[in-house]
Amino acid sequence: MKLVISPAKSLDFESELPTKQHTEPQFLIQSERLNKLLKKKSAKSLSKLMSISDALGQLNYERNQEWGLPFTTDNARPAVYAFNGDVYRGLDAYTIPEEKIENLQNTVRILSGLYGVLKPTDLIQPYRLEMGTKFPVGVKKNLYEFWKKDITKALNEELEDDELFLNLASNEYFKAVDTKALKVPVVTANFKDFKNGEYKMISFYAKAARGLMARYVVDTNAKTIDDLKGFNYEGYGLSEEMSKENDLVFIR
């Protein structure tokens, strides 16, 4: 099984790493091209482009200026330990045992506005570039146009003909995948909590649940739809009533 998740805006480059394993992202040439464009932007223009505060604009201006190849373990960090949002708190990669890291590496892919698609132990340097940013690159109007072909080709090259492909990414990021060109169908998982008399998707919980599902797949080496249906972390369970063939809904 392969699954995709979104990156996170918040980063952790301080915590002690649980492994020395690291790999190199496959699209660093494209990343360097994007960084060259970002380097030209002032802190103020970054704040406007990304709709962020002046302080965050300054932080990311500095990140862009410091970004540079080659990536080493001194200036970069494995992606799955660098991202620090709700999805990654659910995944909790720091507690994945060393013997399961190979399974994590073979299963999980992270979509990224700067790096395209990442394996968990791919080294990254700090950045902020959301996929939905209105950021033209040459003749490409935005990052979707810039990345879609490369990301889809990379996924297809890794997917076996009968392999399950699970989307745990947000709509903003999954739009960078050309699902019509994928050689396997997409399975989606949605997570709903009971509130005010009904089941609804609550963003904070749903993001964490995507990470929990990714962790479940790594822990159990899930390979089939039936394997996914067994997901029961933190009180979630499959709703047969709300689910469809390739669209699973879990409730709690």
C-alpha atoms as a PDB file:
ATOM      1  CA  MET A   1       0.000   0.000   0.000  1.00  0.00           C
ATOM      2  CA  LYS A   2       1.033   3.567  -0.675  1.00  0.00           C
ATOM      3  CA  LEU A   3      -0.569   6.540   1.045  1.00  0.00           C
ATOM      4  CA  VAL A   4      -0.145  10.297   0.784  1.00  0.00           C
ATOM      5  CA  ILE A   5      -0.375  12.918   3.512  1.00  0.00           C
ATOM      6  CA  SER A   6       0.001  16.697   3.545  1.00  0.00           C
ATOM      7  CA  PRO A   7       3.009  18.506   5.025  1.00  0.00           C
ATOM      8  CA  ALA A   8       2.678  20.890   7.987  1.00  0.00           C
ATOM      9  CA  LYS A   9       3.342  24.597   8.344  1.00  0.00           C
ATOM     10  CA  SER A  10       4.839  24.172  11.824  1.00  0.00           C
ATOM     11  CA  LEU A  11       8.302  22.611  11.896  1.00  0.00           C
ATOM     12  CA  ASP A  12      10.547  20.936  14.474  1.00  0.00           C
ATOM     13  CA  PHE A  13      14.271  21.079  13.822  1.00  0.00           C
ATOM     14  CA  GLU A  14      15.250  20.739  17.491  1.00  0.00           C
ATOM     15  CA  SER A  15      14.043  17.398  18.908  1.00  0.00           C
ATOM     16  CA  GLU A  16      16.524  14.543  19.087  1.00  0.00           C
ATOM     17  CA  LEU A  17      16.138  12.200  16.116  1.00  0.00           C
ATOM     18  CA  PRO A  18      15.223   8.566  16.849  1.00  0.00           C
ATOM     19  CA  THR A  19      17.191   7.244  13.850  1.00  0.00           C
ATOM     20  CA  LYS A  20      20.184   8.142  11.710  1.00  0.00           C
ATOM     21  CA  GLN A  21      18.429   6.961   8.548  1.00  0.00           C
ATOM     22  CA  HIS A  22      18.136   9.640   5.865  1.00  0.00           C
ATOM     23  CA  THR A  23      17.631   9.877   2.113  1.00  0.00           C
ATOM     24  CA  GLU A  24      17.711  12.587  -0.553  1.00  0.00           C
ATOM     25  CA  PRO A  25      14.545  14.057  -2.104  1.00  0.00           C
ATOM     26  CA  GLN A  26      14.144  13.149  -5.771  1.00  0.00           C
ATOM     27  CA  PHE A  27      13.125  16.610  -7.013  1.00  0.00           C
ATOM     28  CA  LEU A  28      15.849  18.859  -5.602  1.00  0.00           C
ATOM     29  CA  ILE A  29      16.526  20.417  -9.025  1.00  0.00           C
ATOM     30  CA  GLN A  30      12.913  21.640  -9.115  1.00  0.00           C
ATOM     31  CA  SER A  31      13.103  22.681  -5.447  1.00  0.00           C
ATOM     32  CA  GLU A  32      16.223  24.734  -6.145  1.00  0.00           C
ATOM     33  CA  ARG A  33      14.459  26.469  -9.028  1.00  0.00           C
ATOM     34  CA  LEU A  34      11.573  27.418  -6.740  1.00  0.00           C
ATOM     35  CA  ASN A  35      13.953  28.583  -4.026  1.00  0.00           C
ATOM     36  CA  LYS A  36      15.764  30.883  -6.473  1.00  0.00           C
ATOM     37  CA  LEU A  37      12.434  32.606  -7.131  1.00  0.00           C
ATOM     38  CA  LEU A  38      11.617  32.756  -3.417  1.00  0.00           C
ATOM     39  CA  LYS A  39      15.051  34.230  -2.622  1.00  0.00           C
ATOM     40  CA  LYS A  40      14.172  37.274  -4.742  1.00  0.00           C
ATOM     41  CA  LYS A  41      11.149  38.115  -2.597  1.00  0.00           C
ATOM     42  CA  SER A  42      11.391  40.494   0.341  1.00  0.00           C
ATOM     43  CA  ALA A  43       9.933  39.683   3.749  1.00  0.00           C
ATOM     44  CA  LYS A  44       7.079  42.091   3.026  1.00  0.00           C
ATOM     45  CA  SER A  45       6.232  40.507  -0.327  1.00  0.00           C
ATOM     46  CA  LEU A  46       6.326  37.022   1.252  1.00  0.00           C
ATOM     47  CA  SER A  47       3.860  38.187   3.898  1.00  0.00           C
ATOM     48  CA  LYS A  48       1.514  39.382   1.165  1.00  0.00           C
ATOM     49  CA  LEU A  49       1.997  36.318  -1.075  1.00  0.00           C
ATOM     50  CA  MET A  50       1.384  33.843   1.744  1.00  0.00           C
ATOM     51  CA  SER A  51      -1.101  35.904   3.810  1.00  0.00           C
ATOM     52  CA  ILE A  52       1.100  35.658   6.896  1.00  0.00           C
ATOM     53  CA  SER A  53       2.236  38.096   9.592  1.00  0.00           C
ATOM     54  CA  ASP A  54       5.238  40.387   9.208  1.00  0.00           C
ATOM     55  CA  ALA A  55       7.141  38.228  11.710  1.00  0.00           C
ATOM     56  CA  LEU A  56       6.468  35.061   9.704  1.00  0.00           C
ATOM     57  CA  GLY A  57       7.353  36.917   6.519  1.00  0.00           C
ATOM     58  CA  GLN A  58      10.735  37.809   8.026  1.00  0.00           C
ATOM     59  CA  LEU A  59      11.279  34.242   9.295  1.00  0.00           C
ATOM     60  CA  ASN A  60      10.592  32.760   5.886  1.00  0.00           C
ATOM     61  CA  TYR A  61      12.695  35.392   4.129  1.00  0.00           C
ATOM     62  CA  GLU A  62      15.607  34.218   6.302  1.00  0.00           C
ATOM     63  CA  ARG A  63      14.788  30.560   5.616  1.00  0.00           C
ATOM     64  CA  ASN A  64      14.786  31.209   1.874  1.00  0.00           C
ATOM     65  CA  GLN A  65      18.152  32.973   2.012  1.00  0.00           C
ATOM     66  CA  GLU A  66      19.718  30.164   4.069  1.00  0.00           C
ATOM     67  CA  TRP A  67      18.274  27.348   1.936  1.00  0.00           C
ATOM     68  CA  GLY A  68      20.911  25.682  -0.224  1.00  0.00           C
ATOM     69  CA  LEU A  69      22.356  22.471  -1.598  1.00  0.00           C
ATOM     70  CA  PRO A  70      23.816  20.040  -0.796  1.00  0.00           C
ATOM     71  CA  PHE A  71      21.554  18.786   1.987  1.00  0.00           C
ATOM     72  CA  THR A  72      23.400  17.131   4.874  1.00  0.00           C
ATOM     73  CA  THR A  73      22.403  15.891   8.320  1.00  0.00           C
ATOM     74  CA  ASP A  74      23.945  19.113   9.671  1.00  0.00           C
ATOM     75  CA  ASN A  75      21.735  21.510   7.681  1.00  0.00           C
ATOM     76  CA  ALA A  76      18.620  19.403   6.999  1.00  0.00           C
ATOM     77  CA  ARG A  77      16.307  16.944   8.753  1.00  0.00           C
ATOM     78  CA  PRO A  78      14.239  13.895   7.690  1.00  0.00           C
ATOM     79  CA  ALA A  79      10.819  15.190   6.626  1.00  0.00           C
ATOM     80  CA  VAL A  80       8.681  12.983   8.861  1.00  0.00           C
ATOM     81  CA  TYR A  81      10.520  14.311  11.937  1.00  0.00           C
ATOM     82  CA  ALA A  82      10.612  17.917  10.688  1.00  0.00           C
ATOM     83  CA  PHE A  83       6.876  18.450  10.125  1.00  0.00           C
ATOM     84  CA  ASN A  84       5.023  19.127  13.351  1.00  0.00           C
ATOM     85  CA  GLY A  85       1.281  19.665  12.683  1.00  0.00           C
ATOM     86  CA  ASP A  86      -1.828  17.738  13.721  1.00  0.00           C
ATOM     87  CA  VAL A  87      -1.308  14.967  11.139  1.00  0.00           C
ATOM     88  CA  TYR A  88       2.205  14.364  12.457  1.00  0.00           C
ATOM     89  CA  ARG A  89       1.082  14.301  16.079  1.00  0.00           C
ATOM     90  CA  GLY A  90      -1.338  11.557  15.022  1.00  0.00           C
ATOM     91  CA  LEU A  91       1.383   9.692  13.124  1.00  0.00           C
ATOM     92  CA  ASP A  92       3.817  10.127  16.053  1.00  0.00           C
ATOM     93  CA  ALA A  93       6.806   9.015  13.979  1.00  0.00           C
ATOM     94  CA  TYR A  94       9.211   9.467  16.896  1.00  0.00           C
ATOM     95  CA  THR A  95       7.746   6.359  18.545  1.00  0.00           C
ATOM     96  CA  ILE A  96       7.890   4.157  15.440  1.00  0.00           C
ATOM     97  CA  PRO A  97      10.478   1.458  16.241  1.00  0.00           C
ATOM     98  CA  GLU A  98      13.601   1.199  14.103  1.00  0.00           C
ATOM     99  CA  GLU A  99      12.468  -2.104  12.583  1.00  0.00           C
ATOM    100  CA  LYS A 100       9.259  -0.435  11.311  1.00  0.00           C
ATOM    101  CA  ILE A 101      10.987   2.540   9.660  1.00  0.00           C
ATOM    102  CA  GLU A 102      11.518   0.586   6.446  1.00  0.00           C
ATOM    103  CA  ASN A 103       7.768  -0.047   6.311  1.00  0.00           C
ATOM    104  CA  LEU A 104       7.133   3.658   6.973  1.00  0.00           C
ATOM    105  CA  GLN A 105       9.570   4.550   4.178  1.00  0.00           C
ATOM    106  CA  ASN A 106       7.951   2.148   1.719  1.00  0.00           C
ATOM    107  CA  THR A 107       4.388   3.224   2.505  1.00  0.00           C
ATOM    108  CA  VAL A 108       4.084   6.941   3.284  1.00  0.00           C
ATOM    109  CA  ARG A 109       4.573   9.799   0.826  1.00  0.00           C
ATOM    110  CA  ILE A 110       4.354  13.482   1.766  1.00  0.00           C
ATOM    111  CA  LEU A 111       3.146  16.039  -0.788  1.00  0.00           C
ATOM    112  CA  SER A 112       4.940  19.396  -0.646  1.00  0.00           C
ATOM    113  CA  GLY A 113       4.801  22.764  -2.382  1.00  0.00           C
ATOM    114  CA  LEU A 114       8.604  23.053  -2.394  1.00  0.00           C
ATOM    115  CA  TYR A 115       9.725  19.422  -2.631  1.00  0.00           C
ATOM    116  CA  GLY A 116       6.933  17.880  -4.724  1.00  0.00           C
ATOM    117  CA  VAL A 117       6.710  14.475  -3.078  1.00  0.00           C
ATOM    118  CA  LEU A 118       8.840  13.245  -0.196  1.00  0.00           C
ATOM    119  CA  LYS A 119       9.664   9.920   1.398  1.00  0.00           C
ATOM    120  CA  PRO A 120       9.599  10.057   5.209  1.00  0.00           C
ATOM    121  CA  THR A 121      13.387  10.040   5.663  1.00  0.00           C
ATOM    122  CA  ASP A 122      14.105  12.487   2.814  1.00  0.00           C
ATOM    123  CA  LEU A 123      16.106  15.412   4.156  1.00  0.00           C
ATOM    124  CA  ILE A 124      14.472  18.841   4.013  1.00  0.00           C
ATOM    125  CA  GLN A 125      15.512  22.319   5.030  1.00  0.00           C
ATOM    126  CA  PRO A 126      13.022  24.697   6.698  1.00  0.00           C
ATOM    127  CA  TYR A 127      10.578  26.345   4.299  1.00  0.00           C
ATOM    128  CA  ARG A 128       7.059  27.581   3.833  1.00  0.00           C
ATOM    129  CA  LEU A 129       5.362  27.183   0.457  1.00  0.00           C
ATOM    130  CA  GLU A 130       1.841  25.844   0.496  1.00  0.00           C
ATOM    131  CA  MET A 131       0.645  24.070  -2.630  1.00  0.00           C
ATOM    132  CA  GLY A 132      -2.269  26.479  -3.023  1.00  0.00           C
ATOM    133  CA  THR A 133      -0.030  29.579  -3.058  1.00  0.00           C
ATOM    134  CA  LYS A 134      -0.578  31.719  -6.167  1.00  0.00           C
ATOM    135  CA  PHE A 135       3.037  31.398  -7.250  1.00  0.00           C
ATOM    136  CA  PRO A 136       3.786  31.403 -11.010  1.00  0.00           C
ATOM    137  CA  VAL A 137       6.898  29.542 -12.174  1.00  0.00           C
ATOM    138  CA  GLY A 138       7.920  30.416 -15.727  1.00  0.00           C
ATOM    139  CA  VAL A 139       4.993  29.513 -18.001  1.00  0.00           C
ATOM    140  CA  LYS A 140       3.314  27.544 -15.184  1.00  0.00           C
ATOM    141  CA  LYS A 141       0.539  29.612 -13.611  1.00  0.00           C
ATOM    142  CA  ASN A 142       0.790  27.982 -10.197  1.00  0.00           C
ATOM    143  CA  LEU A 143       2.350  25.146  -8.224  1.00  0.00           C
ATOM    144  CA  TYR A 144      -0.300  22.667  -9.348  1.00  0.00           C
ATOM    145  CA  GLU A 145       0.759  23.146 -12.961  1.00  0.00           C
ATOM    146  CA  PHE A 146       4.414  23.070 -11.934  1.00  0.00           C
ATOM    147  CA  TRP A 147       4.211  19.838  -9.922  1.00  0.00           C
ATOM    148  CA  LYS A 148       1.309  17.717 -11.177  1.00  0.00           C
ATOM    149  CA  LYS A 149       3.134  15.820 -13.923  1.00  0.00           C
ATOM    150  CA  ASP A 150       6.225  15.081 -11.805  1.00  0.00           C
ATOM    151  CA  ILE A 151       4.266  14.039  -8.711  1.00  0.00           C
ATOM    152  CA  THR A 152       1.897  11.776 -10.648  1.00  0.00           C
ATOM    153  CA  LYS A 153       4.754  10.155 -12.583  1.00  0.00           C
ATOM    154  CA  ALA A 154       6.696   9.522  -9.370  1.00  0.00           C
ATOM    155  CA  LEU A 155       3.689   7.878  -7.718  1.00  0.00           C
ATOM    156  CA  ASN A 156       2.944   5.739 -10.774  1.00  0.00           C
ATOM    157  CA  GLU A 157       6.536   4.519 -10.933  1.00  0.00           C
ATOM    158  CA  GLU A 158       6.256   3.245  -7.367  1.00  0.00           C
ATOM    159  CA  LEU A 159       2.744   1.790  -7.456  1.00  0.00           C
ATOM    160  CA  GLU A 160       2.284  -1.859  -8.323  1.00  0.00           C
ATOM    161  CA  ASP A 161      -0.634  -2.622 -10.669  1.00  0.00           C
ATOM    162  CA  ASP A 162      -2.784  -4.091  -7.890  1.00  0.00           C
ATOM    163  CA  GLU A 163      -1.474  -1.957  -5.023  1.00  0.00           C
ATOM    164  CA  LEU A 164      -3.845   0.063  -2.850  1.00  0.00           C
ATOM    165  CA  PHE A 165      -3.415   3.857  -2.971  1.00  0.00           C
ATOM    166  CA  LEU A 166      -4.843   5.698   0.029  1.00  0.00           C
ATOM    167  CA  ASN A 167      -5.415   9.446   0.053  1.00  0.00           C
ATOM    168  CA  LEU A 168      -4.969  10.967   3.513  1.00  0.00           C
ATOM    169  CA  ALA A 169      -3.955  14.407   2.190  1.00  0.00           C
ATOM    170  CA  SER A 170      -6.032  17.595   2.247  1.00  0.00           C
ATOM    171  CA  ASN A 171      -7.860  18.732  -0.884  1.00  0.00           C
ATOM    172  CA  GLU A 172      -5.324  21.551  -1.301  1.00  0.00           C
ATOM    173  CA  TYR A 173      -2.492  19.063  -1.675  1.00  0.00           C
ATOM    174  CA  PHE A 174      -4.232  16.142  -3.351  1.00  0.00           C
ATOM    175  CA  LYS A 175      -5.199  18.421  -6.256  1.00  0.00           C
ATOM    176  CA  ALA A 176      -1.505  18.212  -7.205  1.00  0.00           C
ATOM    177  CA  VAL A 177      -2.063  14.547  -8.147  1.00  0.00           C
ATOM    178  CA  ASP A 178      -3.594  13.781 -11.551  1.00  0.00           C
ATOM    179  CA  THR A 179      -5.941  11.022 -10.417  1.00  0.00           C
ATOM    180  CA  LYS A 180      -7.055  10.290 -13.996  1.00  0.00           C
ATOM    181  CA  ALA A 181      -3.462   9.444 -14.909  1.00  0.00           C
ATOM    182  CA  LEU A 182      -2.854   7.221 -11.868  1.00  0.00           C
ATOM    183  CA  LYS A 183      -2.673   3.548 -12.747  1.00  0.00           C
ATOM    184  CA  VAL A 184      -4.659   2.454  -9.677  1.00  0.00           C
ATOM    185  CA  PRO A 185      -7.939   3.700  -8.133  1.00  0.00           C
ATOM    186  CA  VAL A 186      -7.815   6.080  -5.171  1.00  0.00           C
ATOM    187  CA  VAL A 187      -9.178   5.007  -1.793  1.00  0.00           C
ATOM    188  CA  THR A 188     -10.144   7.826   0.575  1.00  0.00           C
ATOM    189  CA  ALA A 189     -10.670   7.805   4.328  1.00  0.00           C
ATOM    190  CA  ASN A 190     -12.763  10.415   6.127  1.00  0.00           C
ATOM    191  CA  PHE A 191     -13.166  10.865   9.862  1.00  0.00           C
ATOM    192  CA  LYS A 192     -16.210  12.230  11.675  1.00  0.00           C
ATOM    193  CA  ASP A 193     -16.898  12.974  15.326  1.00  0.00           C
ATOM    194  CA  PHE A 194     -20.293  13.116  17.031  1.00  0.00           C
ATOM    195  CA  LYS A 195     -21.176  16.684  17.978  1.00  0.00           C
ATOM    196  CA  ASN A 196     -24.485  18.463  18.570  1.00  0.00           C
ATOM    197  CA  GLY A 197     -26.496  15.395  17.661  1.00  0.00           C
ATOM    198  CA  GLU A 198     -24.753  14.501  14.403  1.00  0.00           C
ATOM    199  CA  TYR A 199     -21.539  13.145  12.927  1.00  0.00           C
ATOM    200  CA  LYS A 200     -19.443  15.857  11.313  1.00  0.00           C
ATOM    201  CA  MET A 201     -15.886  16.384  10.178  1.00  0.00           C
ATOM    202  CA  ILE A 202     -14.071  18.563  12.711  1.00  0.00           C
ATOM    203  CA  SER A 203     -10.836  19.797  11.136  1.00  0.00           C
ATOM    204  CA  PHE A 204      -8.555  19.456  14.166  1.00  0.00           C
ATOM    205  CA  TYR A 205      -9.673  15.878  14.885  1.00  0.00           C
ATOM    206  CA  ALA A 206      -9.793  14.870  11.214  1.00  0.00           C
ATOM    207  CA  LYS A 207      -6.191  15.979  10.645  1.00  0.00           C
ATOM    208  CA  ALA A 208      -4.968  14.014  13.648  1.00  0.00           C
ATOM    209  CA  ALA A 209      -7.019  11.007  12.498  1.00  0.00           C
ATOM    210  CA  ARG A 210      -5.299  11.049   9.099  1.00  0.00           C
ATOM    211  CA  GLY A 211      -2.014  10.698  10.937  1.00  0.00           C
ATOM    212  CA  LEU A 212      -3.457   7.941  13.124  1.00  0.00           C
ATOM    213  CA  MET A 213      -4.579   6.043  10.027  1.00  0.00           C
ATOM    214  CA  ALA A 214      -1.108   6.378   8.491  1.00  0.00           C
ATOM    215  CA  ARG A 215       0.355   5.024  11.740  1.00  0.00           C
ATOM    216  CA  TYR A 216      -2.149   2.146  11.719  1.00  0.00           C
ATOM    217  CA  VAL A 217      -1.096   1.197   8.177  1.00  0.00           C
ATOM    218  CA  VAL A 218       2.575   1.211   9.202  1.00  0.00           C
ATOM    219  CA  ASP A 219       1.937  -0.680  12.464  1.00  0.00           C
ATOM    220  CA  THR A 220      -0.206  -3.408  10.909  1.00  0.00           C
ATOM    221  CA  ASN A 221       1.349  -3.539   7.425  1.00  0.00           C
ATOM    222  CA  ALA A 222      -2.179  -3.085   6.043  1.00  0.00           C
ATOM    223  CA  LYS A 223      -2.498  -3.967   2.362  1.00  0.00           C
ATOM    224  CA  THR A 224      -6.218  -4.328   1.547  1.00  0.00           C
ATOM    225  CA  ILE A 225      -9.471  -2.416   1.952  1.00  0.00           C
ATOM    226  CA  ASP A 226     -10.512  -4.977   4.564  1.00  0.00           C
ATOM    227  CA  ASP A 227      -7.300  -4.265   6.469  1.00  0.00           C
ATOM    228  CA  LEU A 228      -8.138  -0.536   6.454  1.00  0.00           C
ATOM    229  CA  LYS A 229     -11.651  -1.238   7.699  1.00  0.00           C
ATOM    230  CA  GLY A 230     -10.103  -2.599  10.891  1.00  0.00           C
ATOM    231  CA  PHE A 231      -8.810   0.869  11.884  1.00  0.00           C
ATOM    232  CA  ASN A 232      -9.776   1.421  15.525  1.00  0.00           C
ATOM    233  CA  TYR A 233      -7.234   3.855  16.985  1.00  0.00           C
ATOM    234  CA  GLU A 234      -8.443   6.380  19.593  1.00  0.00           C
ATOM    235  CA  GLY A 235     -12.059   5.242  19.478  1.00  0.00           C
ATOM    236  CA  TYR A 236     -12.686   5.397  15.731  1.00  0.00           C
ATOM    237  CA  GLY A 237     -14.579   2.654  13.940  1.00  0.00           C
ATOM    238  CA  LEU A 238     -15.849   2.080  10.421  1.00  0.00           C
ATOM    239  CA  SER A 239     -19.357   3.285   9.548  1.00  0.00           C
ATOM    240  CA  GLU A 240     -20.683   0.746   7.044  1.00  0.00           C
ATOM    241  CA  GLU A 241     -23.687   3.001   6.500  1.00  0.00           C
ATOM    242  CA  MET A 242     -21.702   6.115   5.538  1.00  0.00           C
ATOM    243  CA  SER A 243     -18.934   4.306   3.624  1.00  0.00           C
ATOM    244  CA  LYS A 244     -18.904   3.522  -0.081  1.00  0.00           C
ATOM    245  CA  GLU A 245     -16.692   1.107  -2.013  1.00  0.00           C
ATOM    246  CA  ASN A 246     -13.524   3.237  -2.158  1.00  0.00           C
ATOM    247  CA  ASP A 247     -14.615   5.967   0.259  1.00  0.00           C
ATOM    248  CA  LEU A 248     -14.325   4.811   3.859  1.00  0.00           C
ATOM    249  CA  VAL A 249     -15.873   6.805   6.711  1.00  0.00           C
ATOM    250  CA  PHE A 250     -14.790   6.284  10.308  1.00  0.00           C
ATOM    251  CA  ILE A 251     -16.767   7.700  13.227  1.00  0.00           C
ATOM    252  CA  ARG A 252     -16.483   8.068  16.990  1.00  0.00           C
END
